[in-house]
Amino acid sequence: MDLRGKRVLVTGASRGIGLRLAERFVERGASVALVARNEVLLKEVAARIGGTVHPTDLSDPDQVRGLVARIEGDGGPIDVLVNNAGIDNVGSLESASEEQVAELMRVNLLAPMELCRQVLPSMVARRAGHIVNISSVASSAMYPGGTAYAASKAGLSHFTEVLRWELKGTKVGLTLVELGPIPTDMLDHVTAYRPTEAGFQRGYTLRLIVDVPAEVVAAQTVDAVEHGRRAVRLPKRAMLFPMLRAAPQRMVRLLSAGIPNR
């Protein structure tokens, strides 16, 4: 996809990976629709890189409902949807409240699914568009303390793989991004819980994981959109885990050759 003149919706765009993604898309000639909870930070980003500002709490179904229509009414159709926003709530499951678990699932899984549902009719009708879902290597491997987070990311990764099959032949592209540790505020929070921090340290010691700068994630993700790549997996040394997780779905697709996807 040539990003010049395209419109990109980025969730979690006020900081971290989302901010770097928005900046990179603008560098490539796109305009951005910026979504996050913090209106002040969003306006600061928009003042610097341009774009439209859409303060939204993705954990609130009432605010997510009709979000794409509102954004498209304020600037035109969405050509690329980037589901980046996420929260972690690291700690033992029994110490989490019902609302904390529900909020995590709404932000990390249900909101991305709903935004895909909202944006797809127009993309499929135009036979053009691209969706990026930002997941995690936690979808296939996680340490104690990340139970709910891992479940949400496993759901998002599997959802994306099945949706890819469903979209075959529509000309709508789909990229799954599965990430290890990225130096952001979220990583600081994740490692504040001792069992999870110990797990990460073991991974670092064994060189199974390594920090990847948010700028690198943004560059490779935008490049994947431009070239229609199916997946971005970082760090590359941890690529085997998500590839093994996705293997059964690929096998099902092979065994189901000829079954209509629409």
Protein backbone atom coordinates (compact mmCIF):
# COMPACT_ATOMS: atom_id res chain seq x y z
CA MET A 1 0.00 0.00 0.00
CA ASP A 2 1.21 3.46 -0.91
CA LEU A 3 0.57 5.41 2.30
CA ARG A 4 0.67 8.84 0.72
CA GLY A 5 -2.72 10.46 1.24
CA LYS A 6 -4.07 7.52 3.25
CA ARG A 7 -5.80 7.89 6.62
CA VAL A 8 -4.62 5.74 9.53
CA LEU A 9 -6.48 5.18 12.81
CA VAL A 10 -4.04 4.42 15.66
CA THR A 11 -5.29 3.47 19.13
CA GLY A 12 -3.10 4.11 22.14
CA ALA A 13 -1.54 6.94 20.14
CA SER A 14 -0.64 9.29 23.01
CA ARG A 15 2.61 7.55 24.00
CA GLY A 16 4.87 4.53 23.61
CA ILE A 17 4.51 2.32 20.54
CA GLY A 18 1.30 4.04 19.42
CA LEU A 19 2.98 7.44 19.36
CA ARG A 20 5.94 6.09 17.37
CA LEU A 21 3.56 4.40 14.94
CA ALA A 22 1.62 7.61 14.38
CA GLU A 23 4.84 9.53 13.78
CA ARG A 24 6.09 6.93 11.30
CA PHE A 25 2.84 6.82 9.34
CA VAL A 26 2.92 10.61 9.01
CA GLU A 27 6.53 10.45 7.83
CA ARG A 28 5.36 8.09 5.08
CA GLY A 29 2.75 10.56 3.88
CA ALA A 30 -0.37 9.42 5.73
CA SER A 31 -2.69 11.43 7.95
CA VAL A 32 -3.63 10.01 11.34
CA ALA A 33 -6.71 9.71 13.52
CA LEU A 34 -5.40 9.60 17.09
CA VAL A 35 -7.26 7.58 19.74
CA ALA A 36 -6.37 7.31 23.45
CA ARG A 37 -7.88 8.12 26.83
CA ASN A 38 -5.79 11.23 27.52
CA GLU A 39 -7.14 14.15 25.50
CA VAL A 40 -4.37 16.52 26.64
CA LEU A 41 -1.60 14.23 25.41
CA LEU A 42 -3.45 13.53 22.16
CA LYS A 43 -3.76 17.24 21.44
CA GLU A 44 -0.04 17.67 22.08
CA VAL A 45 0.71 14.89 19.58
CA ALA A 46 -1.68 16.36 17.01
CA ALA A 47 -0.14 19.81 17.42
CA ARG A 48 3.22 18.31 16.50
CA ILE A 49 2.39 15.81 13.73
CA GLY A 50 -1.14 16.76 12.66
CA GLY A 51 -4.18 14.52 12.56
CA THR A 52 -7.57 14.41 14.25
CA VAL A 53 -8.02 13.82 17.98
CA HIS A 54 -10.56 11.31 19.32
CA PRO A 55 -10.37 10.85 23.12
CA THR A 56 -11.83 7.42 23.85
CA ASP A 57 -11.81 5.00 26.77
CA LEU A 58 -11.63 1.67 24.95
CA SER A 59 -12.70 -0.14 28.11
CA ASP A 60 -16.12 1.55 27.83
CA PRO A 61 -18.34 -0.26 25.29
CA ASP A 62 -20.53 2.85 24.94
CA GLN A 63 -17.53 4.89 23.78
CA VAL A 64 -16.32 2.16 21.41
CA ARG A 65 -19.78 1.76 19.88
CA GLY A 66 -19.87 3.72 16.61
CA LEU A 67 -16.32 5.01 17.03
CA VAL A 68 -15.24 4.31 13.44
CA ALA A 69 -18.30 6.09 12.04
CA ARG A 70 -17.59 9.15 14.19
CA ILE A 71 -13.95 9.22 13.11
CA GLU A 72 -14.81 8.78 9.45
CA GLY A 73 -17.33 11.61 9.81
CA ASP A 74 -14.45 13.81 10.95
CA GLY A 75 -11.93 13.45 8.16
CA GLY A 76 -12.99 10.69 5.78
CA PRO A 77 -12.64 6.90 5.42
CA ILE A 78 -10.11 4.89 7.38
CA ASP A 79 -7.60 3.16 5.09
CA VAL A 80 -5.53 1.54 7.86
CA LEU A 81 -6.68 0.48 11.34
CA VAL A 82 -3.96 -0.08 13.93
CA ASN A 83 -5.21 -1.77 17.11
CA ASN A 84 -2.32 -0.90 19.40
CA ALA A 85 -3.83 0.12 22.75
CA GLY A 86 -3.30 -2.33 25.60
CA ILE A 87 -3.06 -2.67 29.38
CA ASP A 88 -1.43 -5.35 31.54
CA ASN A 89 -2.65 -5.59 35.20
CA VAL A 90 0.26 -7.87 36.14
CA GLY A 91 -0.06 -9.80 39.41
CA SER A 92 -1.61 -12.94 40.79
CA LEU A 93 -5.07 -13.66 39.40
CA GLU A 94 -6.65 -13.92 42.86
CA SER A 95 -5.44 -10.41 43.71
CA ALA A 96 -7.19 -8.89 40.69
CA SER A 97 -10.72 -7.59 40.90
CA GLU A 98 -13.51 -8.65 38.57
CA GLU A 99 -13.47 -5.17 37.03
CA GLN A 100 -9.70 -5.21 36.46
CA VAL A 101 -9.92 -8.49 34.54
CA ALA A 102 -12.94 -7.30 32.57
CA GLU A 103 -11.27 -3.98 31.73
CA LEU A 104 -8.15 -5.75 30.47
CA MET A 105 -10.17 -8.06 28.24
CA ARG A 106 -12.22 -5.16 26.87
CA VAL A 107 -9.17 -3.06 25.98
CA ASN A 108 -6.84 -5.83 24.76
CA LEU A 109 -9.31 -8.09 22.95
CA LEU A 110 -12.92 -6.95 22.68
CA ALA A 111 -12.20 -3.38 21.51
CA PRO A 112 -9.83 -4.52 18.71
CA MET A 113 -12.38 -7.10 17.56
CA GLU A 114 -15.16 -4.50 17.60
CA LEU A 115 -13.10 -1.90 15.72
CA CYS A 116 -12.27 -4.52 13.09
CA ARG A 117 -15.99 -5.28 12.81
CA GLN A 118 -16.78 -1.59 12.39
CA VAL A 119 -14.11 -0.80 9.80
CA LEU A 120 -14.41 -3.91 7.62
CA PRO A 121 -17.70 -3.26 5.76
CA SER A 122 -16.27 -0.16 4.11
CA MET A 123 -12.89 -1.76 3.43
CA VAL A 124 -14.42 -4.89 1.92
CA ALA A 125 -16.80 -2.79 -0.20
CA ARG A 126 -13.89 -0.66 -1.48
CA ARG A 127 -11.68 -3.76 -1.87
CA ALA A 128 -8.93 -1.81 -0.18
CA GLY A 129 -7.60 -1.31 3.33
CA HIS A 130 -5.31 -2.81 5.93
CA ILE A 131 -5.64 -3.84 9.58
CA VAL A 132 -2.76 -4.15 12.05
CA ASN A 133 -3.31 -5.97 15.36
CA ILE A 134 -0.56 -5.48 17.93
CA SER A 135 -0.26 -8.65 20.01
CA SER A 136 2.55 -10.19 22.05
CA VAL A 137 4.77 -13.24 22.35
CA ALA A 138 2.73 -13.67 25.55
CA SER A 139 0.13 -15.17 23.21
CA SER A 140 2.28 -18.29 23.18
CA ALA A 141 4.49 -18.01 26.29
CA MET A 142 4.15 -15.95 29.49
CA TYR A 143 5.47 -15.93 33.05
CA PRO A 144 3.46 -16.10 36.32
CA GLY A 145 1.62 -12.86 36.92
CA GLY A 146 0.52 -12.41 33.33
CA THR A 147 -2.44 -14.80 33.27
CA ALA A 148 -5.16 -12.45 32.06
CA TYR A 149 -2.78 -10.52 29.79
CA ALA A 150 -1.59 -13.73 28.12
CA ALA A 151 -5.18 -14.88 27.62
CA SER A 152 -6.13 -11.58 25.97
CA LYS A 153 -3.15 -11.66 23.60
CA ALA A 154 -3.65 -15.33 22.74
CA GLY A 155 -7.22 -14.43 21.84
CA LEU A 156 -6.12 -11.48 19.70
CA SER A 157 -3.50 -13.50 17.82
CA HIS A 158 -5.88 -16.37 17.10
CA PHE A 159 -8.65 -13.97 16.14
CA THR A 160 -6.29 -12.33 13.65
CA GLU A 161 -5.22 -15.61 12.05
CA VAL A 162 -8.82 -16.76 11.54
CA LEU A 163 -9.89 -13.31 10.30
CA ARG A 164 -7.07 -13.44 7.75
CA TRP A 165 -8.65 -16.59 6.30
CA GLU A 166 -12.08 -14.97 6.31
CA LEU A 167 -10.74 -11.95 4.38
CA LYS A 168 -9.03 -13.96 1.67
CA GLY A 169 -9.86 -12.52 -1.74
CA THR A 170 -11.23 -9.21 -0.40
CA LYS A 171 -8.03 -7.22 -1.04
CA VAL A 172 -8.05 -6.17 2.64
CA GLY A 173 -4.60 -6.73 4.15
CA LEU A 174 -3.93 -7.94 7.68
CA THR A 175 -0.72 -7.80 9.71
CA LEU A 176 -0.24 -9.48 13.09
CA VAL A 177 2.51 -7.91 15.21
CA GLU A 178 3.73 -10.07 18.11
CA LEU A 179 6.20 -8.38 20.42
CA GLY A 180 8.52 -9.24 23.26
CA PRO A 181 9.69 -6.63 25.80
CA ILE A 182 9.61 -3.06 24.53
CA PRO A 183 11.14 -0.32 26.75
CA THR A 184 7.97 1.64 27.61
CA ASP A 185 6.02 2.53 30.75
CA MET A 186 4.12 -0.75 30.37
CA LEU A 187 7.32 -2.81 30.61
CA ASP A 188 8.27 -0.97 33.82
CA HIS A 189 4.88 -1.91 35.27
CA VAL A 190 5.11 -5.54 34.13
CA THR A 191 8.45 -6.06 35.86
CA ALA A 192 7.21 -4.52 39.12
CA TYR A 193 5.69 -7.91 40.08
CA ARG A 194 8.45 -10.17 41.38
CA PRO A 195 7.54 -13.52 39.71
CA THR A 196 7.07 -11.85 36.33
CA GLU A 197 10.27 -9.83 36.73
CA ALA A 198 12.17 -13.02 37.61
CA GLY A 199 10.81 -14.71 34.51
CA PHE A 200 11.90 -11.84 32.28
CA GLN A 201 15.35 -11.84 33.87
CA ARG A 202 15.70 -15.59 33.17
CA GLY A 203 14.72 -14.91 29.55
CA TYR A 204 17.31 -12.14 29.27
CA THR A 205 20.01 -14.35 30.86
CA LEU A 206 19.30 -17.19 28.43
CA ARG A 207 19.19 -14.64 25.57
CA LEU A 208 15.72 -15.84 24.60
CA ILE A 209 14.44 -12.27 24.76
CA VAL A 210 15.96 -8.84 24.28
CA ASP A 211 14.50 -5.35 24.46
CA VAL A 212 13.43 -3.85 21.13
CA PRO A 213 13.06 -0.04 20.85
CA ALA A 214 9.57 1.25 20.05
CA GLU A 215 11.05 3.07 17.05
CA VAL A 216 12.12 -0.27 15.54
CA VAL A 217 8.65 -1.72 16.08
CA ALA A 218 7.08 1.29 14.36
CA ALA A 219 9.45 1.17 11.41
CA GLN A 220 8.93 -2.54 10.77
CA THR A 221 5.16 -2.34 11.26
CA VAL A 222 4.72 0.54 8.81
CA ASP A 223 6.99 -1.26 6.35
CA ALA A 224 4.78 -4.36 6.70
CA VAL A 225 1.70 -2.30 5.82
CA GLU A 226 3.43 -0.79 2.80
CA HIS A 227 4.54 -4.19 1.50
CA GLY A 228 1.52 -6.26 2.58
CA ARG A 229 3.41 -8.48 5.02
CA ARG A 230 1.42 -10.90 7.15
CA ALA A 231 3.44 -10.71 10.36
CA VAL A 232 6.02 -8.79 12.34
CA ARG A 233 7.65 -10.70 15.19
CA LEU A 234 10.18 -9.02 17.47
CA PRO A 235 12.68 -9.82 18.81
CA LYS A 236 13.48 -12.17 15.97
CA ARG A 237 15.19 -14.61 18.35
CA ALA A 238 11.79 -15.28 19.96
CA MET A 239 10.07 -15.79 16.61
CA LEU A 240 9.79 -19.57 17.06
CA PHE A 241 7.20 -19.34 19.88
CA PRO A 242 4.47 -17.42 18.00
CA MET A 243 5.20 -19.41 14.83
CA LEU A 244 4.55 -22.65 16.73
CA ARG A 245 1.36 -21.16 18.20
CA ALA A 246 0.09 -20.32 14.70
CA ALA A 247 1.05 -23.70 13.18
CA PRO A 248 -2.25 -25.52 13.94
CA GLN A 249 -4.28 -22.78 12.25
CA ARG A 250 -2.10 -22.98 9.14
CA MET A 251 -2.57 -26.77 9.13
CA VAL A 252 -6.35 -26.37 9.39
CA ARG A 253 -6.29 -24.03 6.41
CA LEU A 254 -4.34 -26.57 4.36
CA LEU A 255 -6.66 -29.41 5.33
CA SER A 256 -9.69 -27.23 4.56
CA ALA A 257 -8.63 -26.23 1.06
CA GLY A 258 -11.69 -25.54 -1.07
CA ILE A 259 -13.99 -24.62 1.79
CA PRO A 260 -15.52 -21.19 1.04
CA ASN A 261 -14.35 -18.39 3.29
CA ARG A 262 -17.30 -16.08 2.52
